[in-house]
Protein backbone atom coordinates (compact mmCIF):
# COMPACT_ATOMS: atom_id res chain seq x y z
CA PRO A 1 -19.66 -37.65 -9.99
CA LEU A 2 -20.84 -34.77 -12.13
CA GLN A 3 -24.29 -34.44 -13.70
CA SER A 4 -23.81 -34.12 -17.47
CA TYR A 5 -26.49 -31.84 -18.88
CA ALA A 6 -25.44 -31.40 -22.47
CA PHE A 7 -26.56 -29.74 -25.65
CA SER A 8 -25.02 -30.59 -29.01
CA ALA A 9 -23.08 -28.33 -31.34
CA SER A 10 -24.64 -29.87 -34.49
CA ALA A 11 -27.73 -31.86 -35.48
CA SER A 12 -25.78 -35.10 -35.68
CA GLU A 13 -24.25 -34.53 -32.29
CA ARG A 14 -27.60 -33.55 -30.78
CA ALA A 15 -28.90 -36.97 -31.68
CA LYS A 16 -26.17 -38.47 -29.50
CA ALA A 17 -26.72 -36.16 -26.52
CA THR A 18 -28.11 -38.74 -24.10
CA ALA A 19 -25.34 -39.02 -21.49
CA THR A 20 -26.37 -39.23 -17.84
CA ALA A 21 -24.62 -39.20 -14.45
CA THR A 22 -25.29 -38.33 -10.81
CA ILE A 23 -25.84 -34.73 -9.64
CA PRO A 24 -23.69 -33.51 -6.72
CA THR A 25 -26.03 -32.76 -3.85
CA SER A 26 -25.61 -30.99 -0.56
CA PRO A 27 -26.72 -32.50 2.76
CA THR A 28 -30.30 -31.61 3.60
CA THR A 29 -31.05 -29.96 6.91
CA ASP A 30 -34.25 -29.13 8.72
CA ALA A 31 -33.86 -25.56 7.48
CA SER A 32 -33.38 -26.61 3.84
CA LEU A 33 -36.42 -28.90 3.85
CA SER A 34 -38.68 -25.86 4.09
CA ASN A 35 -36.89 -24.13 1.20
CA SER A 36 -38.46 -24.13 -2.26
CA ARG A 37 -35.47 -22.59 -4.04
CA ILE A 38 -32.53 -24.46 -5.56
CA PHE A 39 -29.13 -23.22 -6.65
CA ILE A 40 -27.76 -24.06 -10.11
CA GLY A 41 -24.02 -23.45 -10.41
CA GLY A 42 -21.48 -23.31 -13.23
CA LEU A 43 -23.79 -22.32 -16.08
CA SER A 44 -22.43 -22.64 -19.60
CA GLU A 45 -22.53 -19.68 -21.98
CA GLY A 46 -25.39 -21.30 -23.90
CA CYS A 47 -27.63 -21.79 -20.88
CA THR A 48 -30.91 -19.83 -20.94
CA LYS A 49 -34.00 -19.54 -18.77
CA ASN A 50 -35.91 -21.56 -21.39
CA LEU A 51 -33.45 -24.45 -21.17
CA LEU A 52 -33.59 -24.42 -17.36
CA GLN A 53 -37.39 -24.36 -17.56
CA LYS A 54 -37.41 -27.47 -19.76
CA SER A 55 -34.91 -29.20 -17.54
CA PHE A 56 -36.68 -28.69 -14.21
CA GLN A 57 -40.39 -28.43 -15.02
CA PRO A 58 -41.03 -32.21 -14.61
CA PHE A 59 -40.55 -31.82 -10.85
CA GLY A 60 -43.20 -29.26 -10.14
CA THR A 61 -44.53 -25.82 -10.87
CA ILE A 62 -41.72 -23.28 -11.32
CA LEU A 63 -42.49 -19.83 -9.95
CA GLU A 64 -39.30 -18.03 -10.94
CA ILE A 65 -35.96 -18.54 -12.68
CA SER A 66 -33.20 -15.99 -12.27
CA ILE A 67 -29.75 -16.11 -13.89
CA VAL A 68 -26.90 -14.12 -12.33
CA GLY A 69 -23.70 -13.02 -14.07
CA MET A 70 -24.44 -14.18 -17.59
CA ASN A 71 -24.30 -10.72 -19.20
CA ASP A 72 -21.87 -8.96 -16.85
CA ASN A 73 -19.27 -6.87 -18.63
CA VAL A 74 -16.42 -8.47 -16.74
CA LYS A 75 -13.62 -10.84 -17.60
CA LYS A 76 -15.06 -14.25 -16.87
CA SER A 77 -11.58 -15.63 -16.22
CA SER A 78 -11.34 -13.59 -13.01
CA GLN A 79 -14.94 -14.11 -11.85
CA ARG A 80 -17.01 -17.14 -10.87
CA LYS A 81 -19.12 -18.72 -13.60
CA PRO A 82 -22.72 -17.50 -13.98
CA PHE A 83 -25.26 -19.21 -11.75
CA ALA A 84 -29.03 -19.42 -11.39
CA PHE A 85 -31.83 -19.88 -8.87
CA VAL A 86 -34.96 -21.88 -9.62
CA THR A 87 -37.94 -21.35 -7.29
CA PHE A 88 -40.62 -24.07 -7.08
CA ASP A 89 -44.06 -23.82 -5.55
CA SER A 90 -43.17 -26.28 -2.78
CA PRO A 91 -40.16 -27.68 -0.91
CA LYS A 92 -41.15 -31.15 -2.11
CA SER A 93 -40.59 -30.18 -5.75
CA ALA A 94 -37.26 -28.59 -4.95
CA LYS A 95 -36.11 -31.72 -3.10
CA ALA A 96 -37.24 -33.92 -5.99
CA ALA A 97 -35.30 -31.80 -8.48
CA ILE A 98 -32.12 -32.28 -6.47
CA SER A 99 -32.55 -35.98 -5.63
CA ASN A 100 -34.00 -37.37 -8.87
CA HIS A 101 -33.08 -35.16 -11.78
CA ARG A 102 -31.13 -37.24 -14.28
CA THR A 103 -32.56 -36.16 -17.61
CA VAL A 104 -30.24 -34.91 -20.35
CA LEU A 105 -31.67 -32.06 -22.33
CA ASP A 106 -31.66 -32.34 -26.09
CA VAL A 107 -31.60 -28.77 -27.38
CA GLU A 108 -33.53 -29.43 -30.57
CA ASN A 109 -36.08 -32.06 -29.56
CA GLY A 110 -36.45 -31.64 -25.80
CA TYR A 111 -35.76 -34.55 -23.47
CA SER A 112 -33.99 -37.55 -24.92
CA ASN A 113 -33.90 -39.77 -21.86
CA GLY A 114 -37.22 -39.48 -20.04
CA ASP A 115 -38.26 -37.29 -17.16
CA GLY A 116 -36.31 -38.62 -14.26
CA GLY A 117 -35.49 -41.77 -12.42
CA ASP A 118 -33.76 -43.38 -9.50
CA ASN A 119 -30.24 -42.24 -8.65
CA ASN A 120 -28.83 -45.69 -9.33
CA ASN A 121 -30.47 -46.21 -12.72
CA ASN A 122 -28.36 -46.33 -15.87
CA ASN A 123 -25.09 -46.08 -13.99
CA ASN A 124 -23.63 -48.55 -16.46
CA ASN A 125 -25.24 -47.03 -19.53
CA ASP A 126 -22.86 -46.98 -22.44
CA ASN A 127 -23.92 -43.40 -23.17
CA THR A 128 -22.57 -41.91 -19.93
CA LYS A 129 -19.52 -40.58 -21.71
CA GLU A 130 -19.81 -37.04 -23.05
CA GLU A 131 -19.50 -36.45 -26.74
CA PRO A 132 -16.41 -34.34 -27.44
CA ASN A 133 -18.38 -31.36 -28.74
CA ASN A 134 -21.12 -31.42 -26.11
CA GLN A 135 -21.20 -28.69 -23.47
CA LEU A 136 -22.51 -28.93 -19.94
CA LEU A 137 -25.50 -26.72 -19.29
CA PHE A 138 -24.53 -26.50 -15.61
CA ARG A 139 -22.24 -28.22 -13.13
CA GLN A 140 -23.93 -28.03 -9.75
CA VAL A 141 -27.41 -28.42 -8.30
CA GLU A 142 -28.16 -28.05 -4.62
CA MET A 143 -30.59 -26.50 -2.18
CA GLU A 144 -30.19 -22.78 -1.75
CA ASN A 145 -28.55 -22.06 1.58
CA PRO A 146 -29.37 -18.43 2.34
CA ARG A 147 -27.12 -16.54 4.69
CA ASN A 148 -28.34 -16.34 8.22
CA GLN A 149 -29.04 -12.95 9.69
CA LYS A 150 -25.73 -12.84 11.53
CA ASP A 151 -23.71 -13.40 8.34
CA ARG A 152 -25.84 -10.92 6.42
CA SER A 153 -25.38 -8.29 9.12
CA ARG A 154 -21.63 -8.85 9.06
CA SER A 155 -21.58 -8.46 5.28
CA ASN A 156 -23.66 -5.28 5.41
CA ALA A 157 -21.44 -3.86 8.13
CA ALA A 158 -18.33 -4.55 6.05
CA ARG A 159 -19.94 -2.89 3.03
CA GLN A 160 -20.89 0.16 5.08
CA LYS A 161 -17.37 0.36 6.51
CA GLU A 162 -15.88 0.22 3.02
CA GLN A 163 -18.27 2.91 1.81
CA ALA A 164 -17.37 5.16 4.77
CA TYR A 165 -13.66 4.67 4.05
CA ARG A 166 -14.17 5.54 0.40
CA ASP A 167 -16.14 8.65 1.35
CA SER A 168 -13.30 9.72 3.68
CA ILE A 169 -10.83 9.42 0.77
CA LEU A 170 -13.09 11.54 -1.44
CA ASP A 171 -13.36 14.18 1.30
CA MET A 172 -9.57 14.36 1.60
CA CYS A 173 -9.26 14.76 -2.16
CA LYS A 174 -11.33 17.97 -2.05
CA SER A 175 -8.54 19.82 -0.23
CA THR A 176 -5.46 17.82 -1.27
CA ASN A 177 -3.04 19.16 -3.88
CA LEU A 178 0.11 17.23 -2.93
CA ILE A 179 0.41 13.49 -2.30
CA LEU A 180 3.47 11.81 -0.81
CA GLN A 181 4.24 8.16 -1.55
CA VAL A 182 5.68 6.75 1.66
CA GLN A 183 6.85 3.35 2.82
CA THR A 184 4.09 2.08 5.09
CA THR A 185 6.45 1.58 8.03
CA HIS A 186 7.32 5.30 7.83
CA ALA A 187 3.85 6.71 7.10
CA GLU A 188 2.64 7.49 10.61
CA ARG A 189 6.10 8.70 11.65
CA LEU A 190 6.26 11.13 8.73
CA SER A 191 2.71 12.34 9.30
CA SER A 192 3.46 13.09 12.95
CA TYR A 193 6.78 14.71 12.09
CA LEU A 194 5.23 17.05 9.52
CA GLU A 195 2.70 18.22 12.13
CA THR A 196 5.34 19.17 14.72
CA ASP A 197 5.71 22.84 15.58
CA THR A 198 9.33 22.77 14.42
CA ILE A 199 8.42 21.71 10.86
CA GLN A 200 5.36 23.94 10.70
CA ASN A 201 7.53 26.93 11.64
CA ASP A 202 10.31 26.02 9.20
CA TYR A 203 7.78 25.69 6.37
CA SER A 204 5.45 28.49 7.47
CA GLU A 205 5.62 30.36 4.15
CA LEU A 206 4.18 27.32 2.35
CA LYS A 207 1.16 27.04 4.69
CA PHE A 208 0.71 23.29 4.45
CA LYS A 209 -1.49 20.88 6.36
CA VAL A 210 -1.64 17.10 6.66
CA GLU A 211 -5.11 16.14 5.44
CA GLY A 212 -4.92 12.41 6.06
CA LEU A 213 -3.34 9.06 5.34
CA ASN A 214 -4.28 6.18 3.08
CA GLY A 215 -2.46 3.30 4.75
CA ALA A 216 -1.06 0.45 2.64
CA ALA A 217 -2.52 1.79 -0.60
CA ARG A 218 -0.33 -0.75 -2.38
CA ARG A 219 2.12 -3.40 -1.26
CA ASN A 220 4.06 -1.80 1.61
CA MET A 221 3.31 1.69 0.26
CA SER A 222 1.01 4.35 1.75
CA LEU A 223 -0.20 7.75 0.55
CA LEU A 224 0.00 10.91 2.66
CA PHE A 225 -2.39 13.70 1.62
CA LEU A 226 -1.26 17.33 2.03
CA SER A 227 -2.69 20.72 1.16
CA SER A 228 -0.48 23.76 0.58
CA SER A 229 -0.65 27.29 -0.73
CA ASP A 230 2.25 26.33 -3.02
CA PRO A 231 2.27 22.55 -3.63
CA THR A 232 5.10 22.68 -6.17
CA GLY A 233 7.25 24.76 -3.81
CA LEU A 234 6.46 22.36 -0.97
CA ALA A 235 7.37 19.36 -3.13
CA LEU A 236 10.68 21.00 -3.97
CA ARG A 237 11.46 21.71 -0.31
CA LEU A 238 10.51 18.20 0.82
CA HIS A 239 12.51 16.64 -1.99
CA HIS A 240 15.66 18.42 -0.82
CA ASP A 241 15.09 18.14 2.93
CA PRO A 242 17.80 15.66 4.05
CA ILE A 243 15.56 14.14 6.73
CA ILE A 244 12.14 14.08 5.08
CA ALA A 245 13.40 13.05 1.64
CA ARG A 246 14.71 9.80 3.10
CA ALA A 247 11.27 8.90 4.45
CA MET A 248 9.32 9.35 1.22
CA LYS A 249 9.58 7.80 -2.22
CA LYS A 250 7.88 10.36 -4.48
CA CYS A 251 5.80 13.54 -4.53
CA TYR A 252 2.74 14.04 -6.75
CA VAL A 253 1.32 17.53 -7.36
CA VAL A 254 -2.37 17.09 -8.19
CA ASN A 255 -5.50 19.13 -8.81
CA LYS A 256 -8.06 19.31 -6.02
CA THR A 257 -10.38 17.08 -7.99
CA ALA A 258 -10.95 13.35 -7.72
CA VAL A 259 -12.01 11.54 -10.88
CA GLU A 260 -13.92 8.26 -10.69
CA VAL A 261 -12.64 6.06 -13.49
CA GLU A 262 -11.93 2.48 -14.41
CA LEU A 263 -8.24 2.44 -15.35
CA SER A 264 -8.55 -0.97 -16.96
CA GLU A 265 -10.60 0.67 -19.71
CA GLU A 266 -9.33 2.92 -22.50
CA LYS A 267 -11.81 5.73 -21.86
CA GLY A 268 -10.93 5.79 -18.18
CA ASN A 269 -7.26 6.41 -18.96
CA GLU A 270 -8.04 9.13 -21.49
CA LYS A 271 -10.34 10.83 -18.99
CA THR A 272 -7.51 10.73 -16.44
CA ILE A 273 -5.03 12.39 -18.81
CA TYR A 274 -7.54 15.10 -19.74
CA SER A 275 -8.16 15.77 -16.06
CA ALA A 276 -4.43 15.98 -15.35
CA LEU A 277 -3.95 18.57 -18.08
CA ALA A 278 -7.14 20.38 -17.04
CA MET A 279 -8.64 20.01 -20.51
CA ASP A 280 -12.26 20.86 -21.11
CA THR A 281 -14.55 18.80 -23.32
CA ALA A 282 -13.11 20.58 -26.38
CA MET A 283 -9.65 19.32 -25.30
CA ALA A 284 -8.23 22.85 -24.88
CA MET A 285 -5.04 23.04 -22.89
CA ASN A 286 -5.13 26.69 -21.82
CA MET A 287 -7.55 26.13 -18.96
CA ASP A 288 -6.82 27.66 -15.55
CA VAL A 289 -5.68 25.13 -12.93
CA GLN A 290 -5.65 26.16 -9.27
CA GLY A 291 -4.67 29.73 -10.13
CA GLU A 292 -2.08 28.65 -12.70
CA SER A 293 -2.41 28.21 -16.43
CA VAL A 294 -0.75 26.10 -19.06
CA SER A 295 -0.07 28.28 -22.05
CA LYS A 296 -1.08 26.67 -25.30
CA ASN A 297 1.86 28.41 -26.97
CA GLU A 298 4.47 27.19 -24.52
CA GLU A 299 6.53 24.22 -25.63
CA VAL A 300 6.35 21.75 -22.78
CA SER A 301 7.45 18.17 -22.31
CA TYR A 302 6.36 15.89 -19.53
CA ARG A 303 7.73 13.21 -17.28
CA LEU A 304 4.99 10.81 -16.18
CA HIS A 305 4.79 9.92 -12.49
CA ALA A 306 2.17 7.22 -11.88
CA PHE A 307 1.09 5.37 -8.76
CA PRO A 308 0.82 2.45 -8.64
CA PRO A 309 3.42 1.80 -11.36
CA SER A 310 1.16 -0.85 -12.91
CA ILE A 311 -1.16 1.84 -14.33
CA GLN A 312 1.61 3.59 -16.27
CA SER A 313 1.47 1.34 -19.34
CA ASN A 314 -2.23 2.03 -19.96
CA LEU A 315 -1.72 5.75 -19.39
CA LEU A 316 1.06 5.82 -22.00
CA THR A 317 -1.23 4.03 -24.43
CA ALA A 318 -3.93 6.63 -23.78
CA ILE A 319 -1.50 9.49 -24.40
CA ASN A 320 -0.46 7.90 -27.68
CA LYS A 321 -4.11 7.60 -28.73
CA ILE A 322 -4.77 11.24 -27.81
CA ASN A 323 -1.77 12.29 -29.91
CA THR A 324 -2.83 10.27 -32.96
CA ASP A 325 -6.58 10.90 -32.80
CA THR A 326 -7.29 14.19 -34.60
CA ALA A 327 -11.08 14.00 -34.26
CA GLY A 328 -12.49 16.74 -32.08
CA LYS A 329 -9.30 18.82 -31.96
CA ASP A 330 -9.51 22.51 -32.69
CA ALA A 331 -7.03 25.36 -33.15
CA SER A 332 -6.53 25.72 -29.40
CA SER A 333 -5.65 22.07 -28.90
CA PRO A 334 -2.03 20.87 -28.80
CA GLU A 335 -0.58 18.93 -31.68
CA THR A 336 0.93 16.37 -29.29
CA ILE A 337 1.51 15.66 -25.63
CA THR A 338 5.28 15.31 -25.54
CA LEU A 339 6.80 12.89 -23.06
CA ASN A 340 10.49 13.14 -22.30
CA PRO A 341 11.72 11.47 -19.08
CA ARG A 342 15.10 13.23 -19.28
CA THR A 343 14.70 16.76 -20.61
CA PHE A 344 11.22 17.44 -19.28
CA THR A 345 9.82 20.82 -18.27
CA ASP A 346 6.79 19.60 -16.32
CA VAL A 347 5.76 16.60 -14.27
CA LEU A 348 2.49 14.85 -15.16
CA SER A 349 1.27 13.08 -12.00
CA VAL A 350 -1.44 10.41 -11.79
CA VAL A 351 -2.28 8.72 -8.48
CA GLN A 352 -4.91 6.05 -7.93
CA VAL A 353 -5.95 6.92 -4.39
CA TYR A 354 -8.66 4.31 -3.96
CA THR A 355 -9.59 0.93 -5.43
CA TYR A 356 -12.45 -1.23 -4.25
CA LYS A 357 -10.90 -4.63 -3.54
CA GLY A 358 -13.90 -6.49 -2.14
CA ARG A 359 -15.99 -9.12 -3.86
CA GLY A 360 -18.05 -7.55 -6.59
CA ASN A 361 -18.61 -3.82 -6.65
CA LEU A 362 -20.61 -1.50 -4.49
CA GLN A 363 -23.03 -1.55 -7.39
CA LYS A 364 -25.51 1.01 -6.17
CA GLU A 365 -23.13 3.37 -4.41
CA VAL A 366 -20.02 3.23 -6.59
CA LYS A 367 -20.16 4.18 -10.26
CA GLU A 368 -16.54 3.32 -11.03
CA ASN A 369 -14.09 0.99 -9.35
CA GLY A 370 -11.24 3.49 -8.83
CA VAL A 371 -10.66 7.07 -7.69
CA VAL A 372 -7.81 8.97 -9.33
CA MET A 373 -6.15 12.33 -8.66
CA SER A 374 -3.92 13.90 -11.27
CA GLY A 375 -2.21 17.15 -12.18
CA VAL A 376 0.64 18.96 -13.91
CA SER A 377 3.37 20.98 -12.21
CA PRO A 378 6.71 22.54 -13.11
CA SER A 379 9.57 20.13 -12.57
CA PHE A 380 10.59 19.79 -8.93
CA VAL A 381 12.86 16.76 -9.38
CA SER A 382 16.22 16.22 -10.99
CA ILE A 383 16.99 13.06 -12.89
CA ASN A 384 20.50 13.17 -11.43
CA SER A 385 19.49 13.53 -7.78
CA ASN A 386 18.30 10.59 -5.75
CA ILE A 387 18.98 10.80 -2.06
CA GLY A 388 18.61 7.05 -1.59
CA ASN A 389 21.39 6.09 -4.01
CA GLU A 390 24.11 6.33 -1.36
CA GLU A 391 22.58 3.61 0.82
CA ASP A 392 24.37 0.77 -0.92
CA SER A 393 26.51 -0.31 2.02
CA ALA A 394 26.15 -0.99 5.73
CA VAL A 395 28.55 1.91 6.43
CA ASN A 396 26.30 4.38 4.65
CA ARG A 397 23.08 3.05 6.21
CA ALA A 398 24.55 3.59 9.68
CA TYR A 399 26.00 6.93 8.61
CA PHE A 400 22.57 8.22 7.60
CA LYS A 401 20.99 7.08 10.86
CA LEU A 402 23.31 9.29 12.92
CA GLN A 403 23.00 12.07 10.34
CA GLU A 404 19.21 11.99 10.68
CA ALA A 405 19.40 11.90 14.49
CA MET A 406 21.68 14.94 14.64
CA GLY A 407 19.62 16.77 12.04
CA ARG A 408 16.45 16.24 14.05
CA TYR A 409 18.15 17.41 17.25
CA TYR A 410 19.66 20.52 15.63
CA ARG A 411 16.20 21.40 14.31
CA ASP A 412 14.50 20.95 17.70
CA PHE A 413 17.21 22.53 19.88
CA ASN A 414 18.64 25.68 18.36
CA ASP A 415 21.49 25.98 20.87
CA THR A 416 23.06 22.76 19.58
CA ASN A 417 24.85 22.77 16.22
CA GLU A 418 27.77 21.10 14.51
CA SER A 419 30.29 23.80 15.38
CA ILE A 420 30.25 23.07 19.12
CA PHE A 421 31.59 19.56 18.47
CA HIS A 422 34.51 20.55 16.24
CA ASP A 423 37.90 19.37 17.54
CA SER A 424 36.26 17.32 20.30
CA VAL A 425 36.80 13.68 21.28
CA ALA A 426 34.06 11.12 20.57
CA LEU A 427 33.42 7.56 21.74
CA ASP A 428 31.52 5.26 19.35
CA CYS A 429 30.35 2.01 20.99
CA GLY A 430 29.48 -0.86 18.66
CA ALA A 431 31.22 1.01 15.86
CA ALA A 432 31.67 -1.68 13.19
CA PRO A 433 31.51 -1.41 10.24
CA GLY A 434 32.18 2.29 10.79
CA GLY A 435 29.24 4.42 9.64
CA TRP A 436 28.82 6.41 12.86
CA SER A 437 32.57 6.85 13.28
CA LYS A 438 32.80 8.16 9.72
CA PHE A 439 30.06 10.74 10.43
CA LEU A 440 31.75 11.83 13.67
CA ALA A 441 35.14 12.16 11.98
CA ASP A 442 34.09 13.76 8.69
CA ASP A 443 30.87 15.70 9.30
CA MET A 444 31.20 16.64 12.97
CA LYS A 445 34.95 17.17 12.55
CA CYS A 446 35.98 15.48 15.78
CA LYS A 447 39.74 15.50 16.29
CA MET A 448 39.65 11.91 17.61
CA VAL A 449 37.05 9.15 17.50
CA TYR A 450 37.53 6.06 19.64
CA SER A 451 35.70 3.30 17.76
CA VAL A 452 35.03 0.38 20.07
CA ASP A 453 33.88 -2.93 18.60
CA PRO A 454 35.24 -6.52 18.58
CA GLY A 455 34.37 -6.67 14.88
CA LYS A 456 36.32 -5.32 11.92
CA MET A 457 36.01 -1.76 10.63
CA THR A 458 35.71 -1.05 6.92
CA ILE A 459 36.91 2.56 7.14
CA ASP A 460 40.45 3.84 7.54
CA LEU A 461 40.64 7.45 8.75
CA ALA A 462 43.54 9.18 10.48
CA ASN A 463 41.37 10.55 13.30
CA VAL A 464 39.65 7.20 14.02
CA ASP A 465 41.26 4.82 16.54
CA HIS A 466 39.72 1.35 16.42
CA LEU A 467 39.82 -0.42 19.81
CA GLN A 468 38.89 -3.98 18.81
CA MET A 469 37.37 -5.05 22.12
CA LYS A 470 34.27 -4.70 24.28
CA ILE A 471 33.35 -1.30 25.71
CA GLN A 472 33.96 -2.37 29.34
CA ASP A 473 37.53 -3.30 28.34
CA ALA A 474 38.07 -0.13 26.30
CA ILE A 475 37.06 2.37 29.01
CA PRO A 476 40.19 1.77 31.17
CA ILE A 477 42.42 2.26 28.10
CA ILE A 478 40.73 5.54 27.23
CA LYS A 479 41.11 6.59 30.87
CA GLU A 480 44.86 5.86 30.78
CA ARG A 481 45.16 8.18 27.81
CA ASN A 482 43.52 11.00 29.80
CA ALA A 483 40.95 11.48 27.03
CA LYS A 484 37.76 13.40 27.79
CA ILE A 485 34.73 12.41 25.77
CA LYS A 486 32.51 15.21 24.44
CA ILE A 487 30.24 12.91 22.40
CA PHE A 488 29.16 9.43 23.49
CA VAL A 489 27.23 7.43 20.87
CA SER A 490 26.15 3.80 20.85
CA ASP A 491 24.35 1.67 18.28
CA MET A 492 25.21 -1.64 19.93
CA CYS A 493 22.96 -4.68 19.64
CA LEU A 494 22.36 -5.67 23.25
CA HIS A 495 20.03 -8.31 24.62
CA GLU A 496 19.08 -5.96 27.45
CA MET A 497 18.62 -2.47 26.03
CA GLU A 498 19.01 -0.96 29.52
CA ALA A 499 22.71 -1.85 29.15
CA GLN A 500 23.07 1.09 26.75
CA LEU A 501 22.38 3.41 29.68
CA GLU A 502 24.58 1.39 32.01
CA PHE A 503 27.64 1.78 29.76
CA LEU A 504 27.05 5.54 29.54
CA LEU A 505 26.89 5.72 33.34
CA LEU A 506 29.99 3.50 33.59
CA ALA A 507 31.93 5.92 31.39
CA ARG A 508 30.77 8.78 33.62
CA LYS A 509 31.75 6.89 36.77
CA GLU A 510 35.26 6.21 35.42
CA GLY A 511 35.73 9.92 34.75
CA ILE A 512 36.27 9.80 30.98
CA LEU A 513 33.37 12.16 30.15
CA GLU A 514 33.63 15.94 30.02
CA ALA A 515 31.68 18.09 32.50
CA GLU A 516 28.79 17.91 30.05
CA THR A 517 28.68 15.22 27.37
CA PHE A 518 26.26 14.83 24.48
CA PHE A 519 24.93 11.30 24.03
CA VAL A 520 23.06 9.35 21.32
CA LEU A 521 21.83 5.85 22.22
CA THR A 522 19.87 3.42 20.04
CA LEU A 523 17.41 1.34 22.09
CA LYS A 524 16.55 -1.95 20.39
CA VAL A 525 13.44 -3.51 21.90
CA THR A 526 13.63 -7.30 21.60
CA GLY A 527 10.05 -8.18 22.56
CA GLY A 528 6.54 -7.06 21.69
CA TYR A 529 4.92 -5.99 18.46
CA SER A 530 2.98 -2.75 18.93
CA LYS A 531 4.13 0.84 18.68
CA ALA A 532 2.71 1.50 22.15
CA HIS A 533 4.87 -1.30 23.58
CA PHE A 534 8.05 -0.05 21.90
CA ASP A 535 7.38 3.52 23.05
CA GLY A 536 6.68 2.26 26.57
CA GLU A 537 9.96 0.33 26.77
CA ALA A 538 11.93 3.35 25.59
CA LYS A 539 10.15 5.53 28.15
CA LYS A 540 11.25 3.18 30.93
CA VAL A 541 14.89 3.73 29.99
CA MET A 542 14.46 7.49 29.78
CA ASP A 543 12.65 7.55 33.14
CA ALA A 544 15.49 5.53 34.69
CA LEU A 545 17.96 8.12 33.40
CA HIS A 546 15.95 11.02 34.79
CA ALA A 547 15.66 9.22 38.12
CA LYS A 548 19.46 9.40 38.46
CA ALA A 549 19.01 13.09 39.32
CA ASP A 550 18.30 11.89 42.88
CA VAL A 551 21.94 10.77 43.13
CA GLY A 552 23.40 13.86 41.50
CA ILE A 553 23.43 12.75 37.84
CA LYS A 554 21.77 15.55 35.91
CA THR A 555 20.62 15.65 32.30
CA ARG A 556 19.15 18.30 30.04
CA ASP A 557 17.37 18.57 26.68
CA THR A 558 16.70 14.85 26.49
CA VAL A 559 14.42 13.53 23.76
CA THR A 560 13.23 10.23 22.28
CA TYR A 561 12.94 9.86 18.49
CA HIS A 562 11.53 7.15 16.28
CA LEU A 563 13.78 7.97 13.34
CA PHE A 564 12.92 7.05 9.78
CA SER A 565 16.21 5.13 9.84
CA ASN A 566 15.08 3.16 12.92
CA ARG A 567 13.37 -0.18 12.62
CA ASN A 568 9.89 -0.56 14.10
CA GLY A 569 11.28 -1.75 17.42
CA GLU A 570 14.07 0.81 17.67
CA ARG A 571 14.06 4.18 19.40
CA THR A 572 16.86 6.75 19.66
CA ILE A 573 17.36 8.77 22.85
CA MET A 574 19.54 11.89 22.87
CA GLY A 575 20.55 14.71 25.19
CA TYR A 576 23.22 15.96 27.56
CA ILE A 577 24.51 14.31 30.73
CA GLN A 578 26.58 16.16 33.36
């Protein structure tokens, strides 16, 4: 049952406001009996301290009334209703207010139904039904149940942790001028890859550094923070790098300035656009940005890149308002900010790098709810180029996995390149539907590829021979043909991943490999969840291979990769076996 405290919308209705019912109460405990403070929940918009005073003063002397959330500038639909605390001079008064309060408040004339009574009184009163236009003053009355010290400490610790995380984001922003949007499953892999000596040497002229990572900034998306002497040049190189481009979604060139704004508000979006264009308070567009300048005389058009995509609509509205609002513009200000997603000269980037997602706000520490980085750069993307467009089929997904593996190996081992495999013979185990065989035949220019798989192939190439059987059955056939395998690759799904190594050693034992054969094996770990576990299982296989040196099986230049094309539980091992 719900206590019906009502006030009327009109004089005639106020005369009828005499409905009563039972208040919901919470169980009393020894701790609550010594408490003189009660909680009033679900306040109506018309509830005031004066009305609460009139309602509860019959039960004792009231020391304090505090209302929370009544005047907050927030959307009430997404927040809990306002609530209040009433403090009496004794626990007895507080208990009486909870147990016995039944009076309905008449807004104009005070109490219309006495000053209290037994819980069971008037249960059958004909006036218990609310009048249609009456509003409840509040919906809940119970003893305040303050958090114990353990809960309060946990809450404070969480708040401090959130504040430290936010501070770390702000610190990264001070040196960041390029942000990469990366699928969360690839974020740590890409960060580690960019820090390798190989990449640092290849990109040495751009002098870039990985500043940090904002994991899972949005649903399955993370942000990687970079600093570079030439962020636009770095974005261009990364965008066209066949390996790195497949790991990231977008690049954002930004100014080394973080702006604290509320992007749900109009002014916050306008402030973000001004910051992106490096406008001063006079809205001039010829301000120097990181050593570059945007000429006020140059005709530019922009393509808007926004993260997360949900903020783009409000940003477009802000740009439209800036274009139509002539107040405050001077001769140095642009007539319009031209957006053209197809024939653009510059990219306008806006990235929300932090949003406080906890309950309420860090009121004292945080002025605004979000932190945004933004900037303008010359175009480094082409509307006609999208490296991910070719991944529409299983053949192409497999094709790109082997392409990435070979690209990584060529980059790390300079003495290995495509030319040494031309006109060689390759063996592809678990070949269906044909992606790896297609790469071996077309890109690596092998004169013959033996594609072994009981399944059907979806490619038809003159230099691909599909042996529709298991690998242990295909090896004798290849041996009868006196073929010598220069490249042994396997992407088979095996219950025991060690079997990948066993089939390679079987091919060596049967004498179908050349004196030195290059191998690529995908290890698919079937158990465990952590990166450390997956790496450990792959290491066991690699250690087992190296241990074969004791029986005369030698290897060289072996390496384990967690490719961007690999799943979380997959690892790719590569090298030469003699």
